[in-house]
Amino acid sequence: MSLERDPERLVADMIALAIRRARVLALAEAVGLGLTVAAISPVAGALLAAAFGAWRWRATSRAAIVRALEHVQPGFRNLLVTADEFARETLTAKPPVLIPELRKQRKIVTEQRLIL
């Protein structure tokens, strides 16, 4: 994958991929737990799978995933939070501020050799 893409798009793609992976894992865990309990009681297994799946799904919010990615990769130092806020338009900046921030994002992403 080329790192020549727009840094905002690259960060957004990375976050989306992490969310997708976390949700697939949460559903797989819920199914596994449900099947285990269903060996004793099918109704209890189905109910537990649904409850566990809903509980784990809440942990896959965009904000939680961004925080987890930054925790795992300390070199990002608020890069992902800032990029996410720019993308969701909860943080606004004028072009003289935004352009250096985008350059900083590109530099950090290139240094980290981020591969999706």
N, C-alpha and C. Protein backbone atom coordinates (compact mmCIF):
# COMPACT_ATOMS: atom_id res chain seq x y z
N MET A 1 0.85 -1.17 0.00
CA MET A 1 0.00 0.00 0.00
C MET A 1 0.89 1.24 0.00
N SER A 2 0.56 2.17 -0.79
CA SER A 2 1.36 3.38 -0.94
C SER A 2 1.08 4.36 0.19
N LEU A 3 2.15 5.00 0.67
CA LEU A 3 2.00 6.03 1.69
C LEU A 3 1.83 7.41 1.06
N GLU A 4 1.67 7.46 -0.24
CA GLU A 4 1.53 8.74 -0.94
C GLU A 4 0.10 9.28 -0.87
N ARG A 5 -0.79 8.51 -0.29
CA ARG A 5 -2.17 8.98 -0.18
C ARG A 5 -2.27 10.15 0.79
N ASP A 6 -3.38 10.80 0.76
CA ASP A 6 -3.67 11.90 1.68
C ASP A 6 -3.58 11.38 3.11
N PRO A 7 -2.85 12.06 4.00
CA PRO A 7 -2.70 11.55 5.37
C PRO A 7 -4.02 11.43 6.12
N GLU A 8 -4.95 12.33 5.85
CA GLU A 8 -6.25 12.23 6.51
C GLU A 8 -6.96 10.95 6.10
N ARG A 9 -6.90 10.64 4.80
CA ARG A 9 -7.54 9.42 4.29
C ARG A 9 -6.86 8.17 4.87
N LEU A 10 -5.55 8.21 4.96
CA LEU A 10 -4.79 7.08 5.49
C LEU A 10 -5.16 6.81 6.94
N VAL A 11 -5.23 7.86 7.74
CA VAL A 11 -5.59 7.71 9.15
C VAL A 11 -7.04 7.25 9.28
N ALA A 12 -7.94 7.81 8.49
CA ALA A 12 -9.35 7.41 8.52
C ALA A 12 -9.50 5.95 8.13
N ASP A 13 -8.76 5.50 7.12
CA ASP A 13 -8.81 4.10 6.71
C ASP A 13 -8.29 3.18 7.81
N MET A 14 -7.23 3.60 8.47
CA MET A 14 -6.66 2.79 9.55
C MET A 14 -7.66 2.65 10.70
N ILE A 15 -8.32 3.74 11.04
CA ILE A 15 -9.30 3.70 12.13
C ILE A 15 -10.49 2.82 11.74
N ALA A 16 -10.97 2.97 10.51
CA ALA A 16 -12.10 2.16 10.04
C ALA A 16 -11.75 0.67 10.04
N LEU A 17 -10.54 0.34 9.62
CA LEU A 17 -10.10 -1.05 9.62
C LEU A 17 -10.03 -1.60 11.04
N ALA A 18 -9.52 -0.81 11.97
CA ALA A 18 -9.43 -1.25 13.37
C ALA A 18 -10.82 -1.45 13.97
N ILE A 19 -11.75 -0.57 13.64
CA ILE A 19 -13.13 -0.71 14.14
C ILE A 19 -13.74 -2.00 13.60
N ARG A 20 -13.55 -2.23 12.30
CA ARG A 20 -14.09 -3.44 11.68
C ARG A 20 -13.52 -4.70 12.33
N ARG A 21 -12.21 -4.72 12.56
CA ARG A 21 -11.57 -5.88 13.20
C ARG A 21 -12.09 -6.09 14.61
N ALA A 22 -12.22 -5.00 15.37
CA ALA A 22 -12.71 -5.12 16.75
C ALA A 22 -14.13 -5.65 16.79
N ARG A 23 -14.97 -5.22 15.85
CA ARG A 23 -16.36 -5.67 15.84
C ARG A 23 -16.47 -7.13 15.42
N VAL A 24 -15.67 -7.55 14.47
CA VAL A 24 -15.67 -8.96 14.07
C VAL A 24 -15.21 -9.82 15.25
N LEU A 25 -14.17 -9.39 15.94
CA LEU A 25 -13.69 -10.13 17.11
C LEU A 25 -14.74 -10.18 18.21
N ALA A 26 -15.43 -9.07 18.44
CA ALA A 26 -16.48 -9.04 19.47
C ALA A 26 -17.60 -10.01 19.13
N LEU A 27 -18.01 -10.05 17.87
CA LEU A 27 -19.07 -10.97 17.47
C LEU A 27 -18.60 -12.42 17.57
N ALA A 28 -17.35 -12.68 17.20
CA ALA A 28 -16.82 -14.04 17.30
C ALA A 28 -16.76 -14.49 18.77
N GLU A 29 -16.36 -13.59 19.65
CA GLU A 29 -16.34 -13.92 21.08
C GLU A 29 -17.75 -14.21 21.59
N ALA A 30 -18.70 -13.41 21.17
CA ALA A 30 -20.09 -13.60 21.61
C ALA A 30 -20.63 -14.95 21.12
N VAL A 31 -20.35 -15.28 19.88
CA VAL A 31 -20.81 -16.56 19.33
C VAL A 31 -20.15 -17.72 20.08
N GLY A 32 -18.85 -17.62 20.30
CA GLY A 32 -18.14 -18.68 21.02
C GLY A 32 -18.67 -18.88 22.42
N LEU A 33 -18.89 -17.79 23.12
CA LEU A 33 -19.44 -17.88 24.47
C LEU A 33 -20.85 -18.46 24.44
N GLY A 34 -21.65 -17.99 23.49
CA GLY A 34 -23.02 -18.50 23.36
C GLY A 34 -23.07 -19.98 23.06
N LEU A 35 -22.18 -20.44 22.18
CA LEU A 35 -22.16 -21.87 21.85
C LEU A 35 -21.72 -22.71 23.04
N THR A 36 -20.78 -22.18 23.81
CA THR A 36 -20.31 -22.91 24.99
C THR A 36 -21.44 -23.08 26.00
N VAL A 37 -22.16 -22.02 26.27
CA VAL A 37 -23.26 -22.08 27.23
C VAL A 37 -24.44 -22.85 26.64
N ALA A 38 -24.62 -22.80 25.33
CA ALA A 38 -25.73 -23.51 24.69
C ALA A 38 -25.60 -25.02 24.83
N ALA A 39 -24.40 -25.51 25.11
CA ALA A 39 -24.24 -26.94 25.35
C ALA A 39 -25.02 -27.38 26.58
N ILE A 40 -25.20 -26.46 27.51
CA ILE A 40 -25.97 -26.76 28.73
C ILE A 40 -27.42 -26.34 28.55
N SER A 41 -27.63 -25.12 28.04
CA SER A 41 -28.98 -24.61 27.85
C SER A 41 -29.00 -23.72 26.60
N PRO A 42 -29.67 -24.17 25.54
CA PRO A 42 -29.70 -23.37 24.30
C PRO A 42 -30.28 -21.97 24.49
N VAL A 43 -31.30 -21.84 25.30
CA VAL A 43 -31.92 -20.53 25.51
C VAL A 43 -30.94 -19.61 26.24
N ALA A 44 -30.30 -20.12 27.28
CA ALA A 44 -29.34 -19.32 28.03
C ALA A 44 -28.15 -18.95 27.13
N GLY A 45 -27.75 -19.87 26.27
CA GLY A 45 -26.64 -19.59 25.35
C GLY A 45 -26.97 -18.46 24.40
N ALA A 46 -28.18 -18.47 23.86
CA ALA A 46 -28.60 -17.41 22.94
C ALA A 46 -28.69 -16.07 23.66
N LEU A 47 -29.28 -16.08 24.86
CA LEU A 47 -29.40 -14.84 25.61
C LEU A 47 -28.03 -14.29 26.02
N LEU A 48 -27.16 -15.16 26.47
CA LEU A 48 -25.83 -14.72 26.87
C LEU A 48 -25.03 -14.20 25.68
N ALA A 49 -25.15 -14.87 24.54
CA ALA A 49 -24.45 -14.41 23.34
C ALA A 49 -24.93 -13.02 22.94
N ALA A 50 -26.23 -12.80 22.98
CA ALA A 50 -26.78 -11.48 22.62
C ALA A 50 -26.32 -10.41 23.61
N ALA A 51 -26.38 -10.73 24.89
CA ALA A 51 -25.98 -9.74 25.90
C ALA A 51 -24.48 -9.43 25.82
N PHE A 52 -23.67 -10.47 25.68
CA PHE A 52 -22.23 -10.28 25.60
C PHE A 52 -21.86 -9.53 24.32
N GLY A 53 -22.53 -9.86 23.22
CA GLY A 53 -22.27 -9.16 21.95
C GLY A 53 -22.61 -7.69 22.04
N ALA A 54 -23.73 -7.36 22.68
CA ALA A 54 -24.11 -5.95 22.84
C ALA A 54 -23.12 -5.21 23.73
N TRP A 55 -22.69 -5.88 24.80
CA TRP A 55 -21.73 -5.26 25.73
C TRP A 55 -20.40 -5.01 25.02
N ARG A 56 -19.90 -5.97 24.26
CA ARG A 56 -18.62 -5.80 23.57
C ARG A 56 -18.74 -4.82 22.39
N TRP A 57 -19.89 -4.75 21.77
CA TRP A 57 -20.08 -3.83 20.63
C TRP A 57 -19.92 -2.39 21.08
N ARG A 58 -20.37 -2.08 22.31
CA ARG A 58 -20.23 -0.71 22.83
C ARG A 58 -18.76 -0.32 22.97
N ALA A 59 -17.90 -1.29 23.20
CA ALA A 59 -16.47 -1.02 23.37
C ALA A 59 -15.77 -0.77 22.04
N THR A 60 -16.51 -0.89 20.94
CA THR A 60 -15.90 -0.68 19.63
C THR A 60 -16.30 0.66 19.03
N SER A 61 -16.59 1.62 19.87
CA SER A 61 -16.91 2.96 19.36
C SER A 61 -15.66 3.57 18.73
N ARG A 62 -15.86 4.52 17.88
CA ARG A 62 -14.74 5.17 17.19
C ARG A 62 -13.76 5.79 18.20
N ALA A 63 -14.29 6.45 19.21
CA ALA A 63 -13.42 7.10 20.21
C ALA A 63 -12.61 6.07 20.98
N ALA A 64 -13.23 4.95 21.34
CA ALA A 64 -12.50 3.91 22.09
C ALA A 64 -11.40 3.29 21.24
N ILE A 65 -11.67 3.09 19.97
CA ILE A 65 -10.66 2.50 19.08
C ILE A 65 -9.51 3.46 18.87
N VAL A 66 -9.80 4.74 18.69
CA VAL A 66 -8.74 5.74 18.52
C VAL A 66 -7.85 5.79 19.75
N ARG A 67 -8.46 5.80 20.93
CA ARG A 67 -7.67 5.79 22.17
C ARG A 67 -6.81 4.53 22.28
N ALA A 68 -7.37 3.39 21.92
CA ALA A 68 -6.62 2.13 22.00
C ALA A 68 -5.45 2.13 21.02
N LEU A 69 -5.67 2.64 19.81
CA LEU A 69 -4.58 2.70 18.83
C LEU A 69 -3.45 3.60 19.31
N GLU A 70 -3.80 4.73 19.89
CA GLU A 70 -2.76 5.63 20.40
C GLU A 70 -2.03 5.03 21.59
N HIS A 71 -2.74 4.25 22.39
CA HIS A 71 -2.11 3.60 23.53
C HIS A 71 -1.10 2.54 23.06
N VAL A 72 -1.47 1.81 22.03
CA VAL A 72 -0.61 0.74 21.51
C VAL A 72 0.60 1.33 20.76
N GLN A 73 0.42 2.45 20.11
CA GLN A 73 1.48 3.07 19.30
C GLN A 73 1.79 4.45 19.87
N PRO A 74 2.65 4.54 20.89
CA PRO A 74 2.92 5.82 21.54
C PRO A 74 3.52 6.87 20.61
N GLY A 75 4.09 6.47 19.51
CA GLY A 75 4.68 7.43 18.58
C GLY A 75 3.66 8.35 17.93
N PHE A 76 2.39 8.00 18.03
CA PHE A 76 1.36 8.83 17.41
C PHE A 76 1.06 10.09 18.21
N ARG A 77 1.28 10.11 19.53
CA ARG A 77 1.13 11.29 20.38
C ARG A 77 0.00 12.21 19.96
N ASN A 78 -1.21 11.82 20.15
CA ASN A 78 -2.41 12.61 19.84
C ASN A 78 -2.67 12.81 18.35
N LEU A 79 -1.89 12.20 17.50
CA LEU A 79 -2.10 12.33 16.06
C LEU A 79 -3.47 11.78 15.67
N LEU A 80 -3.79 10.60 16.15
CA LEU A 80 -5.05 9.98 15.74
C LEU A 80 -6.25 10.73 16.29
N VAL A 81 -6.17 11.18 17.54
CA VAL A 81 -7.28 11.94 18.11
C VAL A 81 -7.50 13.22 17.32
N THR A 82 -6.42 13.93 17.03
CA THR A 82 -6.53 15.18 16.27
C THR A 82 -7.06 14.92 14.87
N ALA A 83 -6.53 13.92 14.19
CA ALA A 83 -7.00 13.61 12.83
C ALA A 83 -8.46 13.19 12.85
N ASP A 84 -8.86 12.42 13.85
CA ASP A 84 -10.25 12.00 13.96
C ASP A 84 -11.16 13.20 14.21
N GLU A 85 -10.71 14.13 15.04
CA GLU A 85 -11.52 15.32 15.30
C GLU A 85 -11.64 16.19 14.05
N PHE A 86 -10.57 16.30 13.29
CA PHE A 86 -10.65 17.03 12.02
C PHE A 86 -11.63 16.34 11.07
N ALA A 87 -11.55 15.03 10.98
CA ALA A 87 -12.40 14.28 10.06
C ALA A 87 -13.87 14.38 10.44
N ARG A 88 -14.17 14.35 11.74
CA ARG A 88 -15.56 14.44 12.20
C ARG A 88 -16.02 15.89 12.32
N GLU A 89 -15.11 16.81 12.05
CA GLU A 89 -15.38 18.25 12.12
C GLU A 89 -15.79 18.71 13.51
N THR A 90 -15.30 18.04 14.54
CA THR A 90 -15.51 18.51 15.91
C THR A 90 -14.40 19.47 16.30
N LEU A 91 -13.33 19.46 15.53
CA LEU A 91 -12.22 20.38 15.73
C LEU A 91 -12.03 21.11 14.41
N THR A 92 -12.04 22.41 14.47
CA THR A 92 -11.86 23.18 13.25
C THR A 92 -10.57 23.98 13.37
N ALA A 93 -9.98 24.23 12.23
CA ALA A 93 -8.75 25.02 12.20
C ALA A 93 -8.71 25.80 10.90
N LYS A 94 -8.13 26.96 10.97
CA LYS A 94 -7.97 27.78 9.77
C LYS A 94 -6.80 27.22 8.96
N PRO A 95 -6.77 27.46 7.65
CA PRO A 95 -5.71 26.90 6.80
C PRO A 95 -4.28 27.13 7.30
N PRO A 96 -3.93 28.30 7.86
CA PRO A 96 -2.55 28.45 8.34
C PRO A 96 -2.18 27.47 9.45
N VAL A 97 -3.18 27.00 10.20
CA VAL A 97 -2.93 26.02 11.26
C VAL A 97 -3.09 24.60 10.72
N LEU A 98 -4.07 24.40 9.88
CA LEU A 98 -4.40 23.08 9.37
C LEU A 98 -3.30 22.51 8.48
N ILE A 99 -2.74 23.30 7.60
CA ILE A 99 -1.73 22.80 6.66
C ILE A 99 -0.49 22.26 7.40
N PRO A 100 0.08 22.98 8.37
CA PRO A 100 1.21 22.39 9.11
C PRO A 100 0.81 21.12 9.87
N GLU A 101 -0.41 21.07 10.37
CA GLU A 101 -0.87 19.87 11.08
C GLU A 101 -0.94 18.68 10.13
N LEU A 102 -1.43 18.89 8.92
CA LEU A 102 -1.49 17.82 7.94
C LEU A 102 -0.08 17.37 7.53
N ARG A 103 0.84 18.31 7.42
CA ARG A 103 2.23 17.94 7.11
C ARG A 103 2.82 17.11 8.25
N LYS A 104 2.51 17.50 9.48
CA LYS A 104 3.01 16.75 10.63
C LYS A 104 2.44 15.32 10.61
N GLN A 105 1.14 15.19 10.29
CA GLN A 105 0.53 13.87 10.20
C GLN A 105 1.23 13.02 9.14
N ARG A 106 1.48 13.61 7.97
CA ARG A 106 2.14 12.86 6.90
C ARG A 106 3.52 12.40 7.35
N LYS A 107 4.25 13.28 8.04
CA LYS A 107 5.60 12.93 8.50
C LYS A 107 5.56 11.79 9.50
N ILE A 108 4.65 11.87 10.46
CA ILE A 108 4.55 10.83 11.48
C ILE A 108 4.12 9.51 10.87
N VAL A 109 3.14 9.56 9.99
CA VAL A 109 2.67 8.32 9.35
C VAL A 109 3.79 7.70 8.54
N THR A 110 4.57 8.52 7.83
CA THR A 110 5.68 8.01 7.04
C THR A 110 6.77 7.43 7.94
N GLU A 111 7.07 8.11 9.03
CA GLU A 111 8.10 7.61 9.96
C GLU A 111 7.67 6.30 10.60
N GLN A 112 6.42 6.17 10.91
CA GLN A 112 5.94 4.94 11.55
C GLN A 112 5.78 3.81 10.54
N ARG A 113 5.91 4.14 9.25
CA ARG A 113 5.71 3.15 8.17
C ARG A 113 4.40 2.39 8.36
N LEU A 114 3.36 3.17 8.47
CA LEU A 114 2.03 2.64 8.75
C LEU A 114 1.55 1.83 7.56
N ILE A 115 1.26 0.57 7.80
CA ILE A 115 0.77 -0.31 6.75
C ILE A 115 -0.55 -0.89 7.21
N LEU A 116 -1.56 -0.77 6.37
CA LEU A 116 -2.88 -1.28 6.72
C LEU A 116 -3.00 -2.71 6.28
